[in-house]
Amino acid sequence: MFLSRHMPCEDCGVSVERATAESHVCDPARLLDFQMFKMRDRILRFDDIFREYLDGNQGKFEVWLAARDVRRSG
């Protein structure tokens, strides 16, 4: 089996040489981009997930509480 000289960093996804993998330091911007990439399906479903939350008991309570607080502060 052929073993590549490079491997992806598990945290940021950048290709690093196996020999220097232990000394690799993730670039913060690259790390954030990679985390967002891994969450893309959940991000795309955010509206549905949020709507489901608001339809549940906890969400209904939060909406009621927010409306009450707005009425009291106005």
PDB file of N, CA and C in Angstrom:
ATOM      1  N   MET A   1       0.842  -1.175   0.000  1.00  0.00           N
ATOM      2  CA  MET A   1       0.000   0.000   0.000  1.00  0.00           C
ATOM      3  C   MET A   1       0.889   1.241   0.000  1.00  0.00           C
ATOM      4  N   PHE A   2       0.504   2.230  -0.776  1.00  0.00           N
ATOM      5  CA  PHE A   2       1.262   3.470  -0.885  1.00  0.00           C
ATOM      6  C   PHE A   2       0.863   4.416   0.238  1.00  0.00           C
ATOM      7  N   LEU A   3       1.833   4.930   0.975  1.00  0.00           N
ATOM      8  CA  LEU A   3       1.578   5.864   2.064  1.00  0.00           C
ATOM      9  C   LEU A   3       2.057   7.243   1.630  1.00  0.00           C
ATOM     10  N   SER A   4       1.148   8.201   1.581  1.00  0.00           N
ATOM     11  CA  SER A   4       1.462   9.544   1.140  1.00  0.00           C
ATOM     12  C   SER A   4       2.384  10.253   2.140  1.00  0.00           C
ATOM     13  N   ARG A   5       3.198  11.175   1.631  1.00  0.00           N
ATOM     14  CA  ARG A   5       4.066  11.972   2.508  1.00  0.00           C
ATOM     15  C   ARG A   5       3.248  12.997   3.286  1.00  0.00           C
ATOM     16  N   HIS A   6       2.075  13.304   2.778  1.00  0.00           N
ATOM     17  CA  HIS A   6       1.240  14.331   3.390  1.00  0.00           C
ATOM     18  C   HIS A   6      -0.026  13.723   3.975  1.00  0.00           C
ATOM     19  N   MET A   7      -0.558  14.399   4.966  1.00  0.00           N
ATOM     20  CA  MET A   7      -1.815  13.975   5.578  1.00  0.00           C
ATOM     21  C   MET A   7      -2.575  15.228   6.005  1.00  0.00           C
ATOM     22  N   PRO A   8      -3.897  15.150   6.046  1.00  0.00           N
ATOM     23  CA  PRO A   8      -4.649  16.333   6.475  1.00  0.00           C
ATOM     24  C   PRO A   8      -4.623  16.490   7.994  1.00  0.00           C
ATOM     25  N   CYS A   9      -4.528  17.727   8.442  1.00  0.00           N
ATOM     26  CA  CYS A   9      -4.640  18.009   9.875  1.00  0.00           C
ATOM     27  C   CYS A   9      -6.095  17.748  10.272  1.00  0.00           C
ATOM     28  N   GLU A  10      -6.299  17.035  11.353  1.00  0.00           N
ATOM     29  CA  GLU A  10      -7.658  16.725  11.793  1.00  0.00           C
ATOM     30  C   GLU A  10      -8.424  17.955  12.247  1.00  0.00           C
ATOM     31  N   ASP A  11      -7.716  18.980  12.702  1.00  0.00           N
ATOM     32  CA  ASP A  11      -8.366  20.176  13.227  1.00  0.00           C
ATOM     33  C   ASP A  11      -8.687  21.216  12.160  1.00  0.00           C
ATOM     34  N   CYS A  12      -7.739  21.456  11.224  1.00  0.00           N
ATOM     35  CA  CYS A  12      -7.948  22.535  10.250  1.00  0.00           C
ATOM     36  C   CYS A  12      -8.022  22.049   8.809  1.00  0.00           C
ATOM     37  N   GLY A  13      -7.680  20.788   8.555  1.00  0.00           N
ATOM     38  CA  GLY A  13      -7.806  20.223   7.224  1.00  0.00           C
ATOM     39  C   GLY A  13      -6.651  20.490   6.281  1.00  0.00           C
ATOM     40  N   VAL A  14      -5.699  21.310   6.684  1.00  0.00           N
ATOM     41  CA  VAL A  14      -4.578  21.629   5.813  1.00  0.00           C
ATOM     42  C   VAL A  14      -3.683  20.401   5.642  1.00  0.00           C
ATOM     43  N   SER A  15      -3.072  20.292   4.475  1.00  0.00           N
ATOM     44  CA  SER A  15      -2.180  19.179   4.197  1.00  0.00           C
ATOM     45  C   SER A  15      -0.814  19.455   4.825  1.00  0.00           C
ATOM     46  N   VAL A  16      -0.353  18.532   5.660  1.00  0.00           N
ATOM     47  CA  VAL A  16       0.954  18.688   6.310  1.00  0.00           C
ATOM     48  C   VAL A  16       1.794  17.452   6.042  1.00  0.00           C
ATOM     49  N   GLU A  17       3.095  17.651   6.010  1.00  0.00           N
ATOM     50  CA  GLU A  17       3.989  16.513   5.831  1.00  0.00           C
ATOM     51  C   GLU A  17       3.976  15.666   7.093  1.00  0.00           C
ATOM     52  N   ARG A  18       3.949  14.387   6.925  1.00  0.00           N
ATOM     53  CA  ARG A  18       3.920  13.486   8.084  1.00  0.00           C
ATOM     54  C   ARG A  18       5.103  13.747   9.018  1.00  0.00           C
ATOM     55  N   ALA A  19       6.260  14.033   8.450  1.00  0.00           N
ATOM     56  CA  ALA A  19       7.463  14.231   9.256  1.00  0.00           C
ATOM     57  C   ALA A  19       7.357  15.462  10.155  1.00  0.00           C
ATOM     58  N   THR A  20       6.572  16.454   9.753  1.00  0.00           N
ATOM     59  CA  THR A  20       6.458  17.689  10.541  1.00  0.00           C
ATOM     60  C   THR A  20       5.075  17.861  11.163  1.00  0.00           C
ATOM     61  N   ALA A  21       4.262  16.829  11.132  1.00  0.00           N
ATOM     62  CA  ALA A  21       2.874  16.926  11.607  1.00  0.00           C
ATOM     63  C   ALA A  21       2.785  17.326  13.077  1.00  0.00           C
ATOM     64  N   GLU A  22       3.690  16.844  13.904  1.00  0.00           N
ATOM     65  CA  GLU A  22       3.616  17.148  15.336  1.00  0.00           C
ATOM     66  C   GLU A  22       3.919  18.609  15.641  1.00  0.00           C
ATOM     67  N   SER A  23       4.670  19.271  14.781  1.00  0.00           N
ATOM     68  CA  SER A  23       5.009  20.674  15.020  1.00  0.00           C
ATOM     69  C   SER A  23       4.039  21.628  14.314  1.00  0.00           C
ATOM     70  N   HIS A  24       3.048  21.089  13.623  1.00  0.00           N
ATOM     71  CA  HIS A  24       2.078  21.917  12.898  1.00  0.00           C
ATOM     72  C   HIS A  24       1.233  22.746  13.869  1.00  0.00           C
ATOM     73  N   VAL A  25       1.060  24.021  13.536  1.00  0.00           N
ATOM     74  CA  VAL A  25       0.200  24.921  14.297  1.00  0.00           C
ATOM     75  C   VAL A  25      -0.868  25.428  13.341  1.00  0.00           C
ATOM     76  N   CYS A  26      -2.124  25.244  13.698  1.00  0.00           N
ATOM     77  CA  CYS A  26      -3.237  25.639  12.834  1.00  0.00           C
ATOM     78  C   CYS A  26      -3.359  27.155  12.744  1.00  0.00           C
ATOM     79  N   ASP A  27      -3.589  27.649  11.543  1.00  0.00           N
ATOM     80  CA  ASP A  27      -3.886  29.056  11.330  1.00  0.00           C
ATOM     81  C   ASP A  27      -5.315  29.296  11.829  1.00  0.00           C
ATOM     82  N   PRO A  28      -5.536  30.298  12.697  1.00  0.00           N
ATOM     83  CA  PRO A  28      -6.874  30.521  13.268  1.00  0.00           C
ATOM     84  C   PRO A  28      -7.966  30.725  12.211  1.00  0.00           C
ATOM     85  N   ALA A  29      -7.665  31.445  11.140  1.00  0.00           N
ATOM     86  CA  ALA A  29      -8.667  31.668  10.091  1.00  0.00           C
ATOM     87  C   ALA A  29      -8.999  30.362   9.381  1.00  0.00           C
ATOM     88  N   ARG A  30      -7.976  29.562   9.104  1.00  0.00           N
ATOM     89  CA  ARG A  30      -8.175  28.273   8.444  1.00  0.00           C
ATOM     90  C   ARG A  30      -8.967  27.334   9.360  1.00  0.00           C
ATOM     91  N   LEU A  31      -8.668  27.380  10.644  1.00  0.00           N
ATOM     92  CA  LEU A  31      -9.362  26.543  11.619  1.00  0.00           C
ATOM     93  C   LEU A  31     -10.850  26.873  11.640  1.00  0.00           C
ATOM     94  N   LEU A  32     -11.176  28.166  11.655  1.00  0.00           N
ATOM     95  CA  LEU A  32     -12.575  28.599  11.648  1.00  0.00           C
ATOM     96  C   LEU A  32     -13.270  28.181  10.360  1.00  0.00           C
ATOM     97  N   ASP A  33     -12.622  28.383   9.226  1.00  0.00           N
ATOM     98  CA  ASP A  33     -13.202  27.982   7.940  1.00  0.00           C
ATOM     99  C   ASP A  33     -13.504  26.487   7.917  1.00  0.00           C
ATOM    100  N   PHE A  34     -12.576  25.686   8.429  1.00  0.00           N
ATOM    101  CA  PHE A  34     -12.754  24.234   8.412  1.00  0.00           C
ATOM    102  C   PHE A  34     -13.881  23.807   9.347  1.00  0.00           C
ATOM    103  N   GLN A  35     -13.983  24.449  10.506  1.00  0.00           N
ATOM    104  CA  GLN A  35     -15.074  24.136  11.429  1.00  0.00           C
ATOM    105  C   GLN A  35     -16.422  24.488  10.797  1.00  0.00           C
ATOM    106  N   MET A  36     -16.493  25.630  10.130  1.00  0.00           N
ATOM    107  CA  MET A  36     -17.732  26.029   9.449  1.00  0.00           C
ATOM    108  C   MET A  36     -18.064  25.036   8.333  1.00  0.00           C
ATOM    109  N   PHE A  37     -17.041  24.582   7.612  1.00  0.00           N
ATOM    110  CA  PHE A  37     -17.245  23.606   6.550  1.00  0.00           C
ATOM    111  C   PHE A  37     -17.838  22.311   7.110  1.00  0.00           C
ATOM    112  N   LYS A  38     -17.321  21.858   8.249  1.00  0.00           N
ATOM    113  CA  LYS A  38     -17.824  20.620   8.852  1.00  0.00           C
ATOM    114  C   LYS A  38     -19.268  20.782   9.346  1.00  0.00           C
ATOM    115  N   MET A  39     -19.677  22.010   9.636  1.00  0.00           N
ATOM    116  CA  MET A  39     -21.024  22.256  10.159  1.00  0.00           C
ATOM    117  C   MET A  39     -22.010  22.687   9.063  1.00  0.00           C
ATOM    118  N   ARG A  40     -21.605  22.614   7.803  1.00  0.00           N
ATOM    119  CA  ARG A  40     -22.414  23.175   6.719  1.00  0.00           C
ATOM    120  C   ARG A  40     -23.834  22.620   6.663  1.00  0.00           C
ATOM    121  N   ASP A  41     -24.012  21.340   6.894  1.00  0.00           N
ATOM    122  CA  ASP A  41     -25.357  20.768   6.844  1.00  0.00           C
ATOM    123  C   ASP A  41     -26.235  21.339   7.955  1.00  0.00           C
ATOM    124  N   ARG A  42     -25.688  21.449   9.135  1.00  0.00           N
ATOM    125  CA  ARG A  42     -26.440  21.997  10.266  1.00  0.00           C
ATOM    126  C   ARG A  42     -26.733  23.484  10.062  1.00  0.00           C
ATOM    127  N   ILE A  43     -25.793  24.213   9.492  1.00  0.00           N
ATOM    128  CA  ILE A  43     -25.999  25.633   9.212  1.00  0.00           C
ATOM    129  C   ILE A  43     -27.124  25.803   8.194  1.00  0.00           C
ATOM    130  N   LEU A  44     -27.121  24.970   7.167  1.00  0.00           N
ATOM    131  CA  LEU A  44     -28.173  25.046   6.153  1.00  0.00           C
ATOM    132  C   LEU A  44     -29.542  24.713   6.737  1.00  0.00           C
ATOM    133  N   ARG A  45     -29.583  23.905   7.775  1.00  0.00           N
ATOM    134  CA  ARG A  45     -30.837  23.507   8.410  1.00  0.00           C
ATOM    135  C   ARG A  45     -31.211  24.392   9.592  1.00  0.00           C
ATOM    136  N   PHE A  46     -30.461  25.475   9.836  1.00  0.00           N
ATOM    137  CA  PHE A  46     -30.673  26.297  11.023  1.00  0.00           C
ATOM    138  C   PHE A  46     -32.122  26.749  11.162  1.00  0.00           C
ATOM    139  N   ASP A  47     -32.716  27.278  10.097  1.00  0.00           N
ATOM    140  CA  ASP A  47     -34.095  27.769  10.188  1.00  0.00           C
ATOM    141  C   ASP A  47     -35.059  26.669  10.631  1.00  0.00           C
ATOM    142  N   ASP A  48     -34.891  25.481  10.069  1.00  0.00           N
ATOM    143  CA  ASP A  48     -35.764  24.365  10.449  1.00  0.00           C
ATOM    144  C   ASP A  48     -35.543  23.960  11.905  1.00  0.00           C
ATOM    145  N   ILE A  49     -34.283  23.894  12.318  1.00  0.00           N
ATOM    146  CA  ILE A  49     -33.965  23.519  13.696  1.00  0.00           C
ATOM    147  C   ILE A  49     -34.530  24.558  14.667  1.00  0.00           C
ATOM    148  N   PHE A  50     -34.372  25.838  14.332  1.00  0.00           N
ATOM    149  CA  PHE A  50     -34.874  26.918  15.183  1.00  0.00           C
ATOM    150  C   PHE A  50     -36.395  26.878  15.274  1.00  0.00           C
ATOM    151  N   ARG A  51     -37.060  26.653  14.141  1.00  0.00           N
ATOM    152  CA  ARG A  51     -38.522  26.569  14.121  1.00  0.00           C
ATOM    153  C   ARG A  51     -39.007  25.397  14.977  1.00  0.00           C
ATOM    154  N   GLU A  52     -38.314  24.260  14.889  1.00  0.00           N
ATOM    155  CA  GLU A  52     -38.667  23.100  15.713  1.00  0.00           C
ATOM    156  C   GLU A  52     -38.526  23.430  17.200  1.00  0.00           C
ATOM    157  N   TYR A  53     -37.468  24.158  17.545  1.00  0.00           N
ATOM    158  CA  TYR A  53     -37.265  24.557  18.934  1.00  0.00           C
ATOM    159  C   TYR A  53     -38.402  25.457  19.403  1.00  0.00           C
ATOM    160  N   LEU A  54     -38.755  26.442  18.582  1.00  0.00           N
ATOM    161  CA  LEU A  54     -39.821  27.367  18.967  1.00  0.00           C
ATOM    162  C   LEU A  54     -41.176  26.676  19.078  1.00  0.00           C
ATOM    163  N   ASP A  55     -41.387  25.610  18.353  1.00  0.00           N
ATOM    164  CA  ASP A  55     -42.641  24.855  18.430  1.00  0.00           C
ATOM    165  C   ASP A  55     -42.716  23.977  19.680  1.00  0.00           C
ATOM    166  N   GLY A  56     -41.575  23.725  20.321  1.00  0.00           N
ATOM    167  CA  GLY A  56     -41.546  22.897  21.527  1.00  0.00           C
ATOM    168  C   GLY A  56     -41.896  23.704  22.758  1.00  0.00           C
ATOM    169  N   ASN A  57     -42.044  23.026  23.884  1.00  0.00           N
ATOM    170  CA  ASN A  57     -42.425  23.677  25.138  1.00  0.00           C
ATOM    171  C   ASN A  57     -41.436  24.763  25.568  1.00  0.00           C
ATOM    172  N   GLN A  58     -40.143  24.462  25.540  1.00  0.00           N
ATOM    173  CA  GLN A  58     -39.134  25.435  25.951  1.00  0.00           C
ATOM    174  C   GLN A  58     -39.170  26.660  25.029  1.00  0.00           C
ATOM    175  N   GLY A  59     -39.294  26.439  23.738  1.00  0.00           N
ATOM    176  CA  GLY A  59     -39.340  27.546  22.788  1.00  0.00           C
ATOM    177  C   GLY A  59     -40.568  28.420  22.981  1.00  0.00           C
ATOM    178  N   LYS A  60     -41.707  27.793  23.214  1.00  0.00           N
ATOM    179  CA  LYS A  60     -42.933  28.565  23.450  1.00  0.00           C
ATOM    180  C   LYS A  60     -42.803  29.420  24.702  1.00  0.00           C
ATOM    181  N   PHE A  61     -42.178  28.854  25.735  1.00  0.00           N
ATOM    182  CA  PHE A  61     -41.969  29.614  26.960  1.00  0.00           C
ATOM    183  C   PHE A  61     -41.039  30.802  26.704  1.00  0.00           C
ATOM    184  N   GLU A  62     -39.956  30.579  25.959  1.00  0.00           N
ATOM    185  CA  GLU A  62     -39.010  31.650  25.654  1.00  0.00           C
ATOM    186  C   GLU A  62     -39.692  32.781  24.882  1.00  0.00           C
ATOM    187  N   VAL A  63     -40.550  32.440  23.919  1.00  0.00           N
ATOM    188  CA  VAL A  63     -41.275  33.456  23.147  1.00  0.00           C
ATOM    189  C   VAL A  63     -42.210  34.238  24.069  1.00  0.00           C
ATOM    190  N   TRP A  64     -42.929  33.531  24.927  1.00  0.00           N
ATOM    191  CA  TRP A  64     -43.836  34.192  25.869  1.00  0.00           C
ATOM    192  C   TRP A  64     -43.068  35.128  26.796  1.00  0.00           C
ATOM    193  N   LEU A  65     -41.942  34.647  27.335  1.00  0.00           N
ATOM    194  CA  LEU A  65     -41.132  35.437  28.248  1.00  0.00           C
ATOM    195  C   LEU A  65     -40.576  36.693  27.563  1.00  0.00           C
ATOM    196  N   ALA A  66     -40.104  36.545  26.338  1.00  0.00           N
ATOM    197  CA  ALA A  66     -39.575  37.695  25.603  1.00  0.00           C
ATOM    198  C   ALA A  66     -40.670  38.722  25.338  1.00  0.00           C
ATOM    199  N   ALA A  67     -41.857  38.261  24.939  1.00  0.00           N
ATOM    200  CA  ALA A  67     -42.974  39.177  24.691  1.00  0.00           C
ATOM    201  C   ALA A  67     -43.374  39.895  25.980  1.00  0.00           C
ATOM    202  N   ARG A  68     -43.399  39.194  27.092  1.00  0.00           N
ATOM    203  CA  ARG A  68     -43.721  39.795  28.369  1.00  0.00           C
ATOM    204  C   ARG A  68     -42.709  40.875  28.751  1.00  0.00           C
ATOM    205  N   ASP A  69     -41.424  40.563  28.559  1.00  0.00           N
ATOM    206  CA  ASP A  69     -40.382  41.525  28.889  1.00  0.00           C
ATOM    207  C   ASP A  69     -40.468  42.767  28.020  1.00  0.00           C
ATOM    208  N   VAL A  70     -40.825  42.603  26.755  1.00  0.00           N
ATOM    209  CA  VAL A  70     -40.961  43.750  25.855  1.00  0.00           C
ATOM    210  C   VAL A  70     -42.127  44.630  26.309  1.00  0.00           C
ATOM    211  N   ARG A  71     -43.229  44.003  26.666  1.00  0.00           N
ATOM    212  CA  ARG A  71     -44.398  44.756  27.137  1.00  0.00           C
ATOM    213  C   ARG A  71     -44.063  45.551  28.414  1.00  0.00           C
ATOM    214  N   ARG A  72     -43.319  44.940  29.303  1.00  0.00           N
ATOM    215  CA  ARG A  72     -42.972  45.578  30.584  1.00  0.00           C
ATOM    216  C   ARG A  72     -41.994  46.743  30.379  1.00  0.00           C
ATOM    217  N   SER A  73     -41.105  46.629  29.405  1.00  0.00           N
ATOM    218  CA  SER A  73     -40.092  47.670  29.230  1.00  0.00           C
ATOM    219  C   SER A  73     -40.596  48.825  28.383  1.00  0.00           C
ATOM    220  N   GLY A  74     -41.721  48.658  27.712  1.00  0.00           N
ATOM    221  CA  GLY A  74     -42.249  49.698  26.817  1.00  0.00           C
ATOM    222  C   GLY A  74     -43.151  50.590  27.480  1.00  0.00           C
TER     223      GLY A  74
END
